[in-house]
Amino acid sequence: ELEHWKSRMSSFNSLLDEIKSSRV
Protein backbone atom coordinates (compact mmCIF):
# COMPACT_ATOMS: atom_id res chain seq x y z
CA GLU A 1 0.00 0.00 0.00
CA LEU A 2 2.82 2.37 0.88
CA GLU A 3 4.71 1.46 -2.30
CA HIS A 4 1.57 2.07 -4.40
CA TRP A 5 1.14 5.59 -3.02
CA LYS A 6 4.86 6.35 -3.30
CA SER A 7 4.75 5.37 -6.97
CA ARG A 8 1.62 7.43 -7.53
CA MET A 9 3.18 10.42 -5.75
CA SER A 10 6.26 10.16 -7.97
CA SER A 11 4.14 10.01 -11.15
CA PHE A 12 1.99 12.98 -10.25
CA ASN A 13 4.94 15.05 -9.03
CA SER A 14 6.71 14.42 -12.34
CA LEU A 15 3.58 15.48 -14.19
CA LEU A 16 3.31 18.63 -12.05
CA ASP A 17 6.97 19.45 -12.72
CA GLU A 18 6.31 19.15 -16.44
CA ILE A 19 3.16 21.29 -16.27
CA LYS A 20 5.07 23.97 -14.33
CA SER A 21 8.05 23.95 -16.71
CA SER A 22 8.95 27.19 -18.46
CA ARG A 23 8.19 25.69 -21.88
CA VAL A 24 4.63 24.80 -20.90
PDB file of all heavy atoms in Angstrom:
ATOM      1  N   GLU A   1       0.843  -1.208   0.000  1.00  0.00           N
ATOM      2  CA  GLU A   1       0.000   0.000   0.000  1.00  0.00           C
ATOM      3  C   GLU A   1       0.870   1.247   0.000  1.00  0.00           C
ATOM      4  O   GLU A   1       0.642   2.183  -0.769  1.00  0.00           O
ATOM      5  CB  GLU A   1      -0.932  -0.017   1.220  1.00  0.00           C
ATOM      6  CG  GLU A   1      -1.954   1.062   1.216  1.00  0.00           C
ATOM      7  CD  GLU A   1      -3.076   0.866   0.207  1.00  0.00           C
ATOM      8  OE1 GLU A   1      -3.123  -0.158  -0.499  1.00  0.00           O
ATOM      9  OE2 GLU A   1      -3.915   1.776   0.117  1.00  0.00           O
ATOM     10  N   LEU A   2       1.893   1.251   0.833  1.00  0.00           N
ATOM     11  CA  LEU A   2       2.821   2.369   0.879  1.00  0.00           C
ATOM     12  C   LEU A   2       3.541   2.522  -0.462  1.00  0.00           C
ATOM     13  O   LEU A   2       3.655   3.632  -0.990  1.00  0.00           O
ATOM     14  CB  LEU A   2       3.824   2.178   2.024  1.00  0.00           C
ATOM     15  CG  LEU A   2       4.922   3.230   2.165  1.00  0.00           C
ATOM     16  CD1 LEU A   2       4.343   4.627   2.364  1.00  0.00           C
ATOM     17  CD2 LEU A   2       5.856   2.863   3.313  1.00  0.00           C
ATOM     18  N   GLU A   3       3.991   1.414  -1.017  1.00  0.00           N
ATOM     19  CA  GLU A   3       4.705   1.459  -2.303  1.00  0.00           C
ATOM     20  C   GLU A   3       3.795   1.982  -3.420  1.00  0.00           C
ATOM     21  O   GLU A   3       4.240   2.735  -4.287  1.00  0.00           O
ATOM     22  CB  GLU A   3       5.266   0.073  -2.668  1.00  0.00           C
ATOM     23  CG  GLU A   3       6.368  -0.393  -1.743  1.00  0.00           C
ATOM     24  CD  GLU A   3       7.541   0.572  -1.652  1.00  0.00           C
ATOM     25  OE1 GLU A   3       7.958   1.142  -2.683  1.00  0.00           O
ATOM     26  OE2 GLU A   3       8.042   0.781  -0.527  1.00  0.00           O
ATOM     27  N   HIS A   4       2.533   1.585  -3.402  1.00  0.00           N
ATOM     28  CA  HIS A   4       1.571   2.075  -4.402  1.00  0.00           C
ATOM     29  C   HIS A   4       1.473   3.596  -4.348  1.00  0.00           C
ATOM     30  O   HIS A   4       1.536   4.279  -5.371  1.00  0.00           O
ATOM     31  CB  HIS A   4       0.190   1.453  -4.167  1.00  0.00           C
ATOM     32  CG  HIS A   4      -0.902   2.167  -4.886  1.00  0.00           C
ATOM     33  ND1 HIS A   4      -1.111   2.046  -6.237  1.00  0.00           N
ATOM     34  CD2 HIS A   4      -1.839   3.046  -4.439  1.00  0.00           C
ATOM     35  CE1 HIS A   4      -2.145   2.817  -6.597  1.00  0.00           C
ATOM     36  NE2 HIS A   4      -2.593   3.430  -5.521  1.00  0.00           N
ATOM     37  N   TRP A   5       1.301   4.140  -3.149  1.00  0.00           N
ATOM     38  CA  TRP A   5       1.136   5.591  -3.016  1.00  0.00           C
ATOM     39  C   TRP A   5       2.436   6.330  -3.286  1.00  0.00           C
ATOM     40  O   TRP A   5       2.420   7.457  -3.808  1.00  0.00           O
ATOM     41  CB  TRP A   5       0.538   5.937  -1.652  1.00  0.00           C
ATOM     42  CG  TRP A   5      -0.914   5.584  -1.618  1.00  0.00           C
ATOM     43  CD1 TRP A   5      -1.497   4.518  -0.998  1.00  0.00           C
ATOM     44  CD2 TRP A   5      -1.974   6.281  -2.287  1.00  0.00           C
ATOM     45  NE1 TRP A   5      -2.851   4.516  -1.243  1.00  0.00           N
ATOM     46  CE2 TRP A   5      -3.175   5.580  -2.018  1.00  0.00           C
ATOM     47  CE3 TRP A   5      -2.029   7.420  -3.086  1.00  0.00           C
ATOM     48  CZ2 TRP A   5      -4.413   5.987  -2.527  1.00  0.00           C
ATOM     49  CZ3 TRP A   5      -3.261   7.819  -3.589  1.00  0.00           C
ATOM     50  CH2 TRP A   5      -4.429   7.117  -3.311  1.00  0.00           C
ATOM     51  N   LYS A   6       3.584   5.727  -2.968  1.00  0.00           N
ATOM     52  CA  LYS A   6       4.863   6.355  -3.300  1.00  0.00           C
ATOM     53  C   LYS A   6       5.025   6.442  -4.818  1.00  0.00           C
ATOM     54  O   LYS A   6       5.460   7.471  -5.345  1.00  0.00           O
ATOM     55  CB  LYS A   6       6.022   5.565  -2.680  1.00  0.00           C
ATOM     56  CG  LYS A   6       6.207   5.845  -1.203  1.00  0.00           C
ATOM     57  CD  LYS A   6       7.175   4.899  -0.519  1.00  0.00           C
ATOM     58  CE  LYS A   6       8.528   4.805  -1.115  1.00  0.00           C
ATOM     59  NZ  LYS A   6       9.423   3.893  -0.351  1.00  0.00           N
ATOM     60  N   SER A   7       4.660   5.382  -5.510  1.00  0.00           N
ATOM     61  CA  SER A   7       4.751   5.370  -6.970  1.00  0.00           C
ATOM     62  C   SER A   7       3.807   6.406  -7.579  1.00  0.00           C
ATOM     63  O   SER A   7       4.171   7.138  -8.499  1.00  0.00           O
ATOM     64  CB  SER A   7       4.402   3.963  -7.478  1.00  0.00           C
ATOM     65  OG  SER A   7       4.241   3.966  -8.856  1.00  0.00           O
ATOM     66  N   ARG A   8       2.603   6.463  -7.042  1.00  0.00           N
ATOM     67  CA  ARG A   8       1.622   7.429  -7.528  1.00  0.00           C
ATOM     68  C   ARG A   8       2.080   8.868  -7.259  1.00  0.00           C
ATOM     69  O   ARG A   8       1.935   9.744  -8.111  1.00  0.00           O
ATOM     70  CB  ARG A   8       0.282   7.143  -6.847  1.00  0.00           C
ATOM     71  CG  ARG A   8      -0.872   7.787  -7.512  1.00  0.00           C
ATOM     72  CD  ARG A   8      -2.152   7.188  -7.007  1.00  0.00           C
ATOM     73  NE  ARG A   8      -3.191   8.172  -7.183  1.00  0.00           N
ATOM     74  CZ  ARG A   8      -4.471   7.929  -7.197  1.00  0.00           C
ATOM     75  NH1 ARG A   8      -4.894   6.702  -7.032  1.00  0.00           N
ATOM     76  NH2 ARG A   8      -5.349   8.873  -7.369  1.00  0.00           N
ATOM     77  N   MET A   9       2.660   9.102  -6.092  1.00  0.00           N
ATOM     78  CA  MET A   9       3.184  10.420  -5.754  1.00  0.00           C
ATOM     79  C   MET A   9       4.285  10.818  -6.738  1.00  0.00           C
ATOM     80  O   MET A   9       4.314  11.944  -7.238  1.00  0.00           O
ATOM     81  CB  MET A   9       3.723  10.428  -4.324  1.00  0.00           C
ATOM     82  CG  MET A   9       4.273  11.767  -3.880  1.00  0.00           C
ATOM     83  SD  MET A   9       4.841  11.787  -2.155  1.00  0.00           S
ATOM     84  CE  MET A   9       6.388  10.907  -2.297  1.00  0.00           C
ATOM     85  N   SER A  10       5.171   9.898  -7.036  1.00  0.00           N
ATOM     86  CA  SER A  10       6.258  10.157  -7.972  1.00  0.00           C
ATOM     87  C   SER A  10       5.716  10.512  -9.355  1.00  0.00           C
ATOM     88  O   SER A  10       6.167  11.473  -9.988  1.00  0.00           O
ATOM     89  CB  SER A  10       7.162   8.938  -8.043  1.00  0.00           C
ATOM     90  OG  SER A  10       8.163   9.119  -8.993  1.00  0.00           O
ATOM     91  N   SER A  11       4.732   9.757  -9.822  1.00  0.00           N
ATOM     92  CA  SER A  11       4.145  10.011 -11.148  1.00  0.00           C
ATOM     93  C   SER A  11       3.503  11.387 -11.220  1.00  0.00           C
ATOM     94  O   SER A  11       3.739  12.143 -12.168  1.00  0.00           O
ATOM     95  CB  SER A  11       3.079   8.958 -11.472  1.00  0.00           C
ATOM     96  OG  SER A  11       3.647   7.696 -11.553  1.00  0.00           O
ATOM     97  N   PHE A  12       2.688  11.703 -10.219  1.00  0.00           N
ATOM     98  CA  PHE A  12       1.986  12.984 -10.253  1.00  0.00           C
ATOM     99  C   PHE A  12       2.933  14.159 -10.024  1.00  0.00           C
ATOM    100  O   PHE A  12       2.738  15.231 -10.605  1.00  0.00           O
ATOM    101  CB  PHE A  12       0.823  13.007  -9.266  1.00  0.00           C
ATOM    102  CG  PHE A  12      -0.364  12.244  -9.766  1.00  0.00           C
ATOM    103  CD1 PHE A  12      -0.838  11.136  -9.085  1.00  0.00           C
ATOM    104  CD2 PHE A  12      -1.015  12.612 -10.928  1.00  0.00           C
ATOM    105  CE1 PHE A  12      -1.926  10.422  -9.557  1.00  0.00           C
ATOM    106  CE2 PHE A  12      -2.099  11.906 -11.414  1.00  0.00           C
ATOM    107  CZ  PHE A  12      -2.557  10.810 -10.729  1.00  0.00           C
ATOM    108  N   ASN A  13       3.959  13.973  -9.211  1.00  0.00           N
ATOM    109  CA  ASN A  13       4.942  15.046  -9.027  1.00  0.00           C
ATOM    110  C   ASN A  13       5.712  15.311 -10.318  1.00  0.00           C
ATOM    111  O   ASN A  13       5.986  16.464 -10.652  1.00  0.00           O
ATOM    112  CB  ASN A  13       5.889  14.738  -7.879  1.00  0.00           C
ATOM    113  CG  ASN A  13       5.248  14.959  -6.526  1.00  0.00           C
ATOM    114  OD1 ASN A  13       4.221  15.628  -6.414  1.00  0.00           O
ATOM    115  ND2 ASN A  13       5.843  14.396  -5.490  1.00  0.00           N
ATOM    116  N   SER A  14       6.034  14.247 -11.050  1.00  0.00           N
ATOM    117  CA  SER A  14       6.706  14.422 -12.344  1.00  0.00           C
ATOM    118  C   SER A  14       5.802  15.169 -13.312  1.00  0.00           C
ATOM    119  O   SER A  14       6.256  16.058 -14.041  1.00  0.00           O
ATOM    120  CB  SER A  14       7.079  13.067 -12.948  1.00  0.00           C
ATOM    121  OG  SER A  14       8.026  12.420 -12.161  1.00  0.00           O
ATOM    122  N   LEU A  15       4.549  14.808 -13.317  1.00  0.00           N
ATOM    123  CA  LEU A  15       3.583  15.481 -14.188  1.00  0.00           C
ATOM    124  C   LEU A  15       3.443  16.959 -13.807  1.00  0.00           C
ATOM    125  O   LEU A  15       3.427  17.832 -14.674  1.00  0.00           O
ATOM    126  CB  LEU A  15       2.230  14.765 -14.095  1.00  0.00           C
ATOM    127  CG  LEU A  15       1.200  15.042 -15.157  1.00  0.00           C
ATOM    128  CD1 LEU A  15       1.755  14.906 -16.559  1.00  0.00           C
ATOM    129  CD2 LEU A  15       0.026  14.094 -14.978  1.00  0.00           C
ATOM    130  N   LEU A  16       3.379  17.229 -12.512  1.00  0.00           N
ATOM    131  CA  LEU A  16       3.305  18.626 -12.047  1.00  0.00           C
ATOM    132  C   LEU A  16       4.555  19.406 -12.446  1.00  0.00           C
ATOM    133  O   LEU A  16       4.450  20.566 -12.868  1.00  0.00           O
ATOM    134  CB  LEU A  16       3.143  18.681 -10.528  1.00  0.00           C
ATOM    135  CG  LEU A  16       1.734  18.620  -9.979  1.00  0.00           C
ATOM    136  CD1 LEU A  16       1.767  18.697  -8.458  1.00  0.00           C
ATOM    137  CD2 LEU A  16       0.850  19.709 -10.535  1.00  0.00           C
ATOM    138  N   ASP A  17       5.727  18.786 -12.316  1.00  0.00           N
ATOM    139  CA  ASP A  17       6.970  19.451 -12.718  1.00  0.00           C
ATOM    140  C   ASP A  17       6.925  19.812 -14.201  1.00  0.00           C
ATOM    141  O   ASP A  17       7.358  20.899 -14.594  1.00  0.00           O
ATOM    142  CB  ASP A  17       8.185  18.568 -12.440  1.00  0.00           C
ATOM    143  CG  ASP A  17       8.491  18.429 -10.953  1.00  0.00           C
ATOM    144  OD1 ASP A  17       7.946  19.227 -10.149  1.00  0.00           O
ATOM    145  OD2 ASP A  17       9.260  17.513 -10.596  1.00  0.00           O
ATOM    146  N   GLU A  18       6.410  18.907 -15.000  1.00  0.00           N
ATOM    147  CA  GLU A  18       6.310  19.153 -16.443  1.00  0.00           C
ATOM    148  C   GLU A  18       5.330  20.291 -16.734  1.00  0.00           C
ATOM    149  O   GLU A  18       5.616  21.185 -17.525  1.00  0.00           O
ATOM    150  CB  GLU A  18       5.874  17.867 -17.157  1.00  0.00           C
ATOM    151  CG  GLU A  18       5.963  17.928 -18.652  1.00  0.00           C
ATOM    152  CD  GLU A  18       7.381  18.091 -19.180  1.00  0.00           C
ATOM    153  OE1 GLU A  18       8.317  17.575 -18.571  1.00  0.00           O
ATOM    154  OE2 GLU A  18       7.535  18.747 -20.221  1.00  0.00           O
ATOM    155  N   ILE A  19       4.182  20.259 -16.063  1.00  0.00           N
ATOM    156  CA  ILE A  19       3.162  21.294 -16.267  1.00  0.00           C
ATOM    157  C   ILE A  19       3.698  22.671 -15.861  1.00  0.00           C
ATOM    158  O   ILE A  19       3.367  23.681 -16.469  1.00  0.00           O
ATOM    159  CB  ILE A  19       1.879  20.953 -15.466  1.00  0.00           C
ATOM    160  CG1 ILE A  19       1.141  19.802 -16.149  1.00  0.00           C
ATOM    161  CG2 ILE A  19       0.967  22.155 -15.321  1.00  0.00           C
ATOM    162  CD1 ILE A  19      -0.013  19.249 -15.341  1.00  0.00           C
ATOM    163  N   LYS A  20       4.543  22.700 -14.845  1.00  0.00           N
ATOM    164  CA  LYS A  20       5.071  23.966 -14.335  1.00  0.00           C
ATOM    165  C   LYS A  20       6.378  24.380 -15.018  1.00  0.00           C
ATOM    166  O   LYS A  20       6.967  25.399 -14.659  1.00  0.00           O
ATOM    167  CB  LYS A  20       5.259  23.874 -12.822  1.00  0.00           C
ATOM    168  CG  LYS A  20       3.976  23.477 -12.109  1.00  0.00           C
ATOM    169  CD  LYS A  20       3.726  24.210 -10.854  1.00  0.00           C
ATOM    170  CE  LYS A  20       2.464  23.801 -10.154  1.00  0.00           C
ATOM    171  NZ  LYS A  20       1.240  23.912 -10.878  1.00  0.00           N
ATOM    172  N   SER A  21       6.811  23.618 -16.002  1.00  0.00           N
ATOM    173  CA  SER A  21       8.053  23.955 -16.707  1.00  0.00           C
ATOM    174  C   SER A  21       7.881  25.246 -17.496  1.00  0.00           C
ATOM    175  O   SER A  21       6.774  25.639 -17.868  1.00  0.00           O
ATOM    176  CB  SER A  21       8.465  22.813 -17.645  1.00  0.00           C
ATOM    177  OG  SER A  21       7.583  22.743 -18.752  1.00  0.00           O
ATOM    178  N   SER A  22       9.000  25.901 -17.757  1.00  0.00           N
ATOM    179  CA  SER A  22       8.947  27.188 -18.457  1.00  0.00           C
ATOM    180  C   SER A  22       8.382  27.031 -19.872  1.00  0.00           C
ATOM    181  O   SER A  22       7.650  27.895 -20.348  1.00  0.00           O
ATOM    182  CB  SER A  22      10.328  27.837 -18.498  1.00  0.00           C
ATOM    183  OG  SER A  22      11.244  27.007 -19.172  1.00  0.00           O
ATOM    184  N   ARG A  23       8.686  25.929 -20.525  1.00  0.00           N
ATOM    185  CA  ARG A  23       8.190  25.690 -21.885  1.00  0.00           C
ATOM    186  C   ARG A  23       6.665  25.650 -21.896  1.00  0.00           C
ATOM    187  O   ARG A  23       6.024  26.301 -22.729  1.00  0.00           O
ATOM    188  CB  ARG A  23       8.768  24.355 -22.387  1.00  0.00           C
ATOM    189  CG  ARG A  23       8.319  23.936 -23.767  1.00  0.00           C
ATOM    190  CD  ARG A  23       8.993  22.631 -24.158  1.00  0.00           C
ATOM    191  NE  ARG A  23       8.593  21.531 -23.311  1.00  0.00           N
ATOM    192  CZ  ARG A  23       7.691  20.616 -23.670  1.00  0.00           C
ATOM    193  NH1 ARG A  23       7.127  20.663 -24.845  1.00  0.00           N
ATOM    194  NH2 ARG A  23       7.366  19.632 -22.854  1.00  0.00           N
ATOM    195  N   VAL A  24       6.096  24.904 -20.967  1.00  0.00           N
ATOM    196  CA  VAL A  24       4.632  24.797 -20.904  1.00  0.00           C
ATOM    197  C   VAL A  24       4.027  26.144 -20.499  1.00  0.00           C
ATOM    198  O   VAL A  24       3.029  26.583 -21.075  1.00  0.00           O
ATOM    199  CB  VAL A  24       4.204  23.673 -19.933  1.00  0.00           C
ATOM    200  CG1 VAL A  24       2.699  23.682 -19.717  1.00  0.00           C
ATOM    201  CG2 VAL A  24       4.649  22.318 -20.469  1.00  0.00           C
TER     202      VAL A  24
END
